[in-house]
Amino acid sequence: MRKARDFDTWAAEASRELANLGMPMLDAKHVPYDKEEWFRREFDAGEDAAMTAQEWFSNN
Protein backbone atom coordinates (compact mmCIF):
# COMPACT_ATOMS: atom_id res chain seq x y z
CA MET A 1 0.00 0.00 0.00
CA ARG A 2 1.31 3.46 -0.86
CA LYS A 3 2.28 5.88 1.87
CA ALA A 4 0.20 9.02 2.31
CA ARG A 5 2.20 12.18 1.70
CA ASP A 6 0.30 14.41 4.10
CA PHE A 7 -2.12 14.19 7.00
CA ASP A 8 -5.19 15.16 4.93
CA THR A 9 -4.58 12.36 2.43
CA TRP A 10 -3.94 9.90 5.25
CA ALA A 11 -7.08 11.08 7.11
CA ALA A 12 -9.16 10.54 3.96
CA GLU A 13 -7.88 6.95 3.81
CA ALA A 14 -8.78 6.47 7.48
CA SER A 15 -12.25 7.92 6.86
CA ARG A 16 -12.86 5.51 3.97
CA GLU A 17 -11.88 2.60 6.20
CA LEU A 18 -14.23 3.80 8.95
CA ALA A 19 -17.03 3.91 6.36
CA ASN A 20 -16.09 0.39 5.19
CA LEU A 21 -16.42 -0.74 8.80
CA GLY A 22 -20.01 0.53 8.91
CA MET A 23 -19.79 4.12 10.08
CA PRO A 24 -21.89 6.57 8.02
CA MET A 25 -19.55 8.42 5.64
CA LEU A 26 -20.70 11.85 6.85
CA ASP A 27 -19.59 10.90 10.36
CA ALA A 28 -16.46 9.06 9.22
CA LYS A 29 -15.16 12.14 7.38
CA HIS A 30 -15.01 14.10 10.65
CA VAL A 31 -13.50 11.53 13.01
CA PRO A 32 -9.79 12.06 12.13
CA TYR A 33 -10.24 15.81 12.69
CA ASP A 34 -12.51 15.57 15.75
CA LYS A 35 -9.94 13.22 17.33
CA GLU A 36 -6.98 14.85 15.58
CA GLU A 37 -4.50 14.57 18.45
CA TRP A 38 -4.80 10.77 18.50
CA PHE A 39 -4.96 10.34 14.72
CA ARG A 40 -2.06 12.76 14.12
CA ARG A 41 0.09 10.89 16.65
CA GLU A 42 -0.57 7.67 14.71
CA PHE A 43 0.17 9.43 11.39
CA ASP A 44 3.42 10.89 12.72
CA ALA A 45 4.46 7.43 13.91
CA GLY A 46 4.04 6.11 10.35
CA GLU A 47 1.03 3.93 11.08
CA ASP A 48 -1.17 2.67 8.26
CA ALA A 49 -4.39 4.70 7.94
CA ALA A 50 -6.65 1.65 7.55
CA MET A 51 -5.13 -0.14 10.55
CA THR A 52 -5.44 3.02 12.64
CA ALA A 53 -9.09 3.39 11.65
CA GLN A 54 -9.77 -0.24 12.56
CA GLU A 55 -8.10 0.21 15.94
CA TRP A 56 -10.08 3.39 16.68
CA PHE A 57 -13.35 1.80 15.50
CA SER A 58 -12.81 -1.28 17.67
CA ASN A 59 -12.09 0.76 20.79
CA ASN A 60 -14.70 3.52 20.50
PDB file of N, CA and C in Angstrom:
ATOM      1  N   MET A   1       0.850  -1.183   0.000  1.00  0.00           N
ATOM      2  CA  MET A   1       0.000   0.000   0.000  1.00  0.00           C
ATOM      3  C   MET A   1       0.892   1.241   0.000  1.00  0.00           C
ATOM      4  N   ARG A   2       0.494   2.241  -0.769  1.00  0.00           N
ATOM      5  CA  ARG A   2       1.306   3.458  -0.859  1.00  0.00           C
ATOM      6  C   ARG A   2       1.218   4.272   0.426  1.00  0.00           C
ATOM      7  N   LYS A   3       2.246   5.019   0.689  1.00  0.00           N
ATOM      8  CA  LYS A   3       2.282   5.884   1.868  1.00  0.00           C
ATOM      9  C   LYS A   3       1.616   7.216   1.554  1.00  0.00           C
ATOM     10  N   ALA A   4       0.810   7.696   2.465  1.00  0.00           N
ATOM     11  CA  ALA A   4       0.197   9.017   2.308  1.00  0.00           C
ATOM     12  C   ALA A   4       1.277  10.081   2.457  1.00  0.00           C
ATOM     13  N   ARG A   5       1.189  11.123   1.661  1.00  0.00           N
ATOM     14  CA  ARG A   5       2.199  12.182   1.703  1.00  0.00           C
ATOM     15  C   ARG A   5       1.899  13.229   2.765  1.00  0.00           C
ATOM     16  N   ASP A   6       0.647  13.395   3.122  1.00  0.00           N
ATOM     17  CA  ASP A   6       0.301  14.413   4.104  1.00  0.00           C
ATOM     18  C   ASP A   6      -0.856  13.916   4.974  1.00  0.00           C
ATOM     19  N   PHE A   7      -1.095  14.626   6.056  1.00  0.00           N
ATOM     20  CA  PHE A   7      -2.121  14.191   6.997  1.00  0.00           C
ATOM     21  C   PHE A   7      -3.504  14.157   6.364  1.00  0.00           C
ATOM     22  N   ASP A   8      -3.855  15.134   5.532  1.00  0.00           N
ATOM     23  CA  ASP A   8      -5.188  15.162   4.932  1.00  0.00           C
ATOM     24  C   ASP A   8      -5.441  13.946   4.040  1.00  0.00           C
ATOM     25  N   THR A   9      -4.445  13.548   3.272  1.00  0.00           N
ATOM     26  CA  THR A   9      -4.577  12.356   2.429  1.00  0.00           C
ATOM     27  C   THR A   9      -4.723  11.119   3.298  1.00  0.00           C
ATOM     28  N   TRP A  10      -3.904  11.032   4.319  1.00  0.00           N
ATOM     29  CA  TRP A  10      -3.939   9.904   5.247  1.00  0.00           C
ATOM     30  C   TRP A  10      -5.286   9.854   5.971  1.00  0.00           C
ATOM     31  N   ALA A  11      -5.794  11.016   6.417  1.00  0.00           N
ATOM     32  CA  ALA A  11      -7.082  11.084   7.111  1.00  0.00           C
ATOM     33  C   ALA A  11      -8.217  10.643   6.195  1.00  0.00           C
ATOM     34  N   ALA A  12      -8.140  10.978   4.915  1.00  0.00           N
ATOM     35  CA  ALA A  12      -9.160  10.537   3.959  1.00  0.00           C
ATOM     36  C   ALA A  12      -9.160   9.015   3.844  1.00  0.00           C
ATOM     37  N   GLU A  13      -7.979   8.411   3.842  1.00  0.00           N
ATOM     38  CA  GLU A  13      -7.883   6.949   3.812  1.00  0.00           C
ATOM     39  C   GLU A  13      -8.494   6.351   5.078  1.00  0.00           C
ATOM     40  N   ALA A  14      -8.211   6.953   6.218  1.00  0.00           N
ATOM     41  CA  ALA A  14      -8.781   6.473   7.481  1.00  0.00           C
ATOM     42  C   ALA A  14     -10.300   6.609   7.463  1.00  0.00           C
ATOM     43  N   SER A  15     -10.805   7.704   6.942  1.00  0.00           N
ATOM     44  CA  SER A  15     -12.252   7.918   6.861  1.00  0.00           C
ATOM     45  C   SER A  15     -12.918   6.865   5.988  1.00  0.00           C
ATOM     46  N   ARG A  16     -12.302   6.553   4.852  1.00  0.00           N
ATOM     47  CA  ARG A  16     -12.861   5.514   3.973  1.00  0.00           C
ATOM     48  C   ARG A  16     -12.915   4.173   4.691  1.00  0.00           C
ATOM     49  N   GLU A  17     -11.886   3.868   5.459  1.00  0.00           N
ATOM     50  CA  GLU A  17     -11.876   2.603   6.199  1.00  0.00           C
ATOM     51  C   GLU A  17     -12.965   2.601   7.268  1.00  0.00           C
ATOM     52  N   LEU A  18     -13.156   3.720   7.961  1.00  0.00           N
ATOM     53  CA  LEU A  18     -14.231   3.798   8.953  1.00  0.00           C
ATOM     54  C   LEU A  18     -15.586   3.566   8.291  1.00  0.00           C
ATOM     55  N   ALA A  19     -15.784   4.123   7.100  1.00  0.00           N
ATOM     56  CA  ALA A  19     -17.034   3.906   6.361  1.00  0.00           C
ATOM     57  C   ALA A  19     -17.163   2.436   5.958  1.00  0.00           C
ATOM     58  N   ASN A  20     -16.066   1.819   5.544  1.00  0.00           N
ATOM     59  CA  ASN A  20     -16.092   0.395   5.191  1.00  0.00           C
ATOM     60  C   ASN A  20     -16.450  -0.471   6.392  1.00  0.00           C
ATOM     61  N   LEU A  21     -16.117   0.002   7.575  1.00  0.00           N
ATOM     62  CA  LEU A  21     -16.420  -0.742   8.802  1.00  0.00           C
ATOM     63  C   LEU A  21     -17.859  -0.531   9.266  1.00  0.00           C
ATOM     64  N   GLY A  22     -18.597   0.349   8.590  1.00  0.00           N
ATOM     65  CA  GLY A  22     -20.007   0.528   8.908  1.00  0.00           C
ATOM     66  C   GLY A  22     -20.408   1.889   9.435  1.00  0.00           C
ATOM     67  N   MET A  23     -19.457   2.783   9.603  1.00  0.00           N
ATOM     68  CA  MET A  23     -19.793   4.125  10.079  1.00  0.00           C
ATOM     69  C   MET A  23     -20.341   4.933   8.903  1.00  0.00           C
ATOM     70  N   PRO A  24     -21.403   5.715   9.110  1.00  0.00           N
ATOM     71  CA  PRO A  24     -21.890   6.570   8.024  1.00  0.00           C
ATOM     72  C   PRO A  24     -20.771   7.495   7.531  1.00  0.00           C
ATOM     73  N   MET A  25     -20.654   7.650   6.220  1.00  0.00           N
ATOM     74  CA  MET A  25     -19.551   8.416   5.637  1.00  0.00           C
ATOM     75  C   MET A  25     -19.518   9.852   6.145  1.00  0.00           C
ATOM     76  N   LEU A  26     -20.691  10.470   6.339  1.00  0.00           N
ATOM     77  CA  LEU A  26     -20.700  11.848   6.848  1.00  0.00           C
ATOM     78  C   LEU A  26     -20.038  11.941   8.214  1.00  0.00           C
ATOM     79  N   ASP A  27     -20.242  10.934   9.048  1.00  0.00           N
ATOM     80  CA  ASP A  27     -19.591  10.902  10.358  1.00  0.00           C
ATOM     81  C   ASP A  27     -18.114  10.539  10.222  1.00  0.00           C
ATOM     82  N   ALA A  28     -17.832   9.557   9.382  1.00  0.00           N
ATOM     83  CA  ALA A  28     -16.459   9.064   9.222  1.00  0.00           C
ATOM     84  C   ALA A  28     -15.513  10.157   8.747  1.00  0.00           C
ATOM     85  N   LYS A  29     -16.009  11.071   7.907  1.00  0.00           N
ATOM     86  CA  LYS A  29     -15.158  12.142   7.384  1.00  0.00           C
ATOM     87  C   LYS A  29     -14.642  13.060   8.482  1.00  0.00           C
ATOM     88  N   HIS A  30     -15.374  13.160   9.588  1.00  0.00           N
ATOM     89  CA  HIS A  30     -15.008  14.098  10.649  1.00  0.00           C
ATOM     90  C   HIS A  30     -14.149  13.480  11.753  1.00  0.00           C
ATOM     91  N   VAL A  31     -14.185  12.177  11.890  1.00  0.00           N
ATOM     92  CA  VAL A  31     -13.496  11.525  13.011  1.00  0.00           C
ATOM     93  C   VAL A  31     -12.005  11.864  13.088  1.00  0.00           C
ATOM     94  N   PRO A  32     -11.230  11.755  11.994  1.00  0.00           N
ATOM     95  CA  PRO A  32      -9.795  12.058  12.126  1.00  0.00           C
ATOM     96  C   PRO A  32      -9.508  13.499  12.555  1.00  0.00           C
ATOM     97  N   TYR A  33     -10.436  14.405  12.306  1.00  0.00           N
ATOM     98  CA  TYR A  33     -10.236  15.807  12.694  1.00  0.00           C
ATOM     99  C   TYR A  33     -10.824  16.087  14.075  1.00  0.00           C
ATOM    100  N   ASP A  34     -11.940  15.422  14.409  1.00  0.00           N
ATOM    101  CA  ASP A  34     -12.505  15.574  15.750  1.00  0.00           C
ATOM    102  C   ASP A  34     -11.576  14.968  16.802  1.00  0.00           C
ATOM    103  N   LYS A  35     -10.890  13.914  16.438  1.00  0.00           N
ATOM    104  CA  LYS A  35      -9.937  13.222  17.328  1.00  0.00           C
ATOM    105  C   LYS A  35      -8.519  13.394  16.792  1.00  0.00           C
ATOM    106  N   GLU A  36      -8.230  14.606  16.322  1.00  0.00           N
ATOM    107  CA  GLU A  36      -6.984  14.845  15.583  1.00  0.00           C
ATOM    108  C   GLU A  36      -5.733  14.538  16.386  1.00  0.00           C
ATOM    109  N   GLU A  37      -5.717  14.826  17.660  1.00  0.00           N
ATOM    110  CA  GLU A  37      -4.502  14.571  18.447  1.00  0.00           C
ATOM    111  C   GLU A  37      -4.109  13.099  18.359  1.00  0.00           C
ATOM    112  N   TRP A  38      -5.087  12.208  18.545  1.00  0.00           N
ATOM    113  CA  TRP A  38      -4.804  10.770  18.505  1.00  0.00           C
ATOM    114  C   TRP A  38      -4.427  10.337  17.087  1.00  0.00           C
ATOM    115  N   PHE A  39      -5.229  10.745  16.095  1.00  0.00           N
ATOM    116  CA  PHE A  39      -4.959  10.339  14.718  1.00  0.00           C
ATOM    117  C   PHE A  39      -3.637  10.922  14.220  1.00  0.00           C
ATOM    118  N   ARG A  40      -3.319  12.156  14.570  1.00  0.00           N
ATOM    119  CA  ARG A  40      -2.059  12.756  14.121  1.00  0.00           C
ATOM    120  C   ARG A  40      -0.866  12.039  14.757  1.00  0.00           C
ATOM    121  N   ARG A  41      -0.993  11.634  16.008  1.00  0.00           N
ATOM    122  CA  ARG A  41       0.091  10.886  16.655  1.00  0.00           C
ATOM    123  C   ARG A  41       0.350   9.580  15.895  1.00  0.00           C
ATOM    124  N   GLU A  42      -0.719   8.906  15.488  1.00  0.00           N
ATOM    125  CA  GLU A  42      -0.572   7.669  14.715  1.00  0.00           C
ATOM    126  C   GLU A  42       0.057   7.958  13.344  1.00  0.00           C
ATOM    127  N   PHE A  43      -0.386   9.021  12.687  1.00  0.00           N
ATOM    128  CA  PHE A  43       0.167   9.432  11.388  1.00  0.00           C
ATOM    129  C   PHE A  43       1.656   9.731  11.514  1.00  0.00           C
ATOM    130  N   ASP A  44       2.019  10.521  12.524  1.00  0.00           N
ATOM    131  CA  ASP A  44       3.421  10.894  12.724  1.00  0.00           C
ATOM    132  C   ASP A  44       4.303   9.683  13.014  1.00  0.00           C
ATOM    133  N   ALA A  45       3.709   8.647  13.605  1.00  0.00           N
ATOM    134  CA  ALA A  45       4.462   7.430  13.909  1.00  0.00           C
ATOM    135  C   ALA A  45       4.579   6.514  12.687  1.00  0.00           C
ATOM    136  N   GLY A  46       3.937   6.903  11.576  1.00  0.00           N
ATOM    137  CA  GLY A  46       4.040   6.112  10.355  1.00  0.00           C
ATOM    138  C   GLY A  46       3.053   4.966  10.268  1.00  0.00           C
ATOM    139  N   GLU A  47       2.015   5.009  11.088  1.00  0.00           N
ATOM    140  CA  GLU A  47       1.033   3.928  11.083  1.00  0.00           C
ATOM    141  C   GLU A  47       0.183   3.962   9.817  1.00  0.00           C
ATOM    142  N   ASP A  48      -0.287   2.801   9.407  1.00  0.00           N
ATOM    143  CA  ASP A  48      -1.168   2.670   8.257  1.00  0.00           C
ATOM    144  C   ASP A  48      -2.539   3.252   8.595  1.00  0.00           C
ATOM    145  N   ALA A  49      -3.111   4.031   7.688  1.00  0.00           N
ATOM    146  CA  ALA A  49      -4.394   4.696   7.937  1.00  0.00           C
ATOM    147  C   ALA A  49      -5.516   3.692   8.190  1.00  0.00           C
ATOM    148  N   ALA A  50      -5.578   2.634   7.392  1.00  0.00           N
ATOM    149  CA  ALA A  50      -6.645   1.647   7.551  1.00  0.00           C
ATOM    150  C   ALA A  50      -6.534   0.919   8.890  1.00  0.00           C
ATOM    151  N   MET A  51      -5.324   0.552   9.262  1.00  0.00           N
ATOM    152  CA  MET A  51      -5.133  -0.140  10.546  1.00  0.00           C
ATOM    153  C   MET A  51      -5.472   0.785  11.708  1.00  0.00           C
ATOM    154  N   THR A  52      -5.114   2.049  11.599  1.00  0.00           N
ATOM    155  CA  THR A  52      -5.435   3.024  12.636  1.00  0.00           C
ATOM    156  C   THR A  52      -6.940   3.182  12.763  1.00  0.00           C
ATOM    157  N   ALA A  53      -7.636   3.263  11.633  1.00  0.00           N
ATOM    158  CA  ALA A  53      -9.095   3.388  11.653  1.00  0.00           C
ATOM    159  C   ALA A  53      -9.731   2.163  12.298  1.00  0.00           C
ATOM    160  N   GLN A  54      -9.236   0.984  11.966  1.00  0.00           N
ATOM    161  CA  GLN A  54      -9.775  -0.239  12.559  1.00  0.00           C
ATOM    162  C   GLN A  54      -9.566  -0.249  14.068  1.00  0.00           C
ATOM    163  N   GLU A  55      -8.392   0.160  14.505  1.00  0.00           N
ATOM    164  CA  GLU A  55      -8.103   0.212  15.940  1.00  0.00           C
ATOM    165  C   GLU A  55      -9.038   1.189  16.640  1.00  0.00           C
ATOM    166  N   TRP A  56      -9.205   2.383  16.075  1.00  0.00           N
ATOM    167  CA  TRP A  56     -10.079   3.386  16.682  1.00  0.00           C
ATOM    168  C   TRP A  56     -11.519   2.885  16.715  1.00  0.00           C
ATOM    169  N   PHE A  57     -11.981   2.300  15.603  1.00  0.00           N
ATOM    170  CA  PHE A  57     -13.353   1.800  15.499  1.00  0.00           C
ATOM    171  C   PHE A  57     -13.614   0.709  16.536  1.00  0.00           C
ATOM    172  N   SER A  58     -12.661  -0.173  16.725  1.00  0.00           N
ATOM    173  CA  SER A  58     -12.813  -1.284  17.674  1.00  0.00           C
ATOM    174  C   SER A  58     -12.844  -0.828  19.123  1.00  0.00           C
ATOM    175  N   ASN A  59     -12.210   0.304  19.407  1.00  0.00           N
ATOM    176  CA  ASN A  59     -12.092   0.760  20.791  1.00  0.00           C
ATOM    177  C   ASN A  59     -12.994   1.929  21.148  1.00  0.00           C
ATOM    178  N   ASN A  60     -13.839   2.370  20.231  1.00  0.00           N
ATOM    179  CA  ASN A  60     -14.698   3.522  20.503  1.00  0.00           C
ATOM    180  C   ASN A  60     -16.121   3.277  20.122  1.00  0.00           C
TER     181      ASN A  60
END
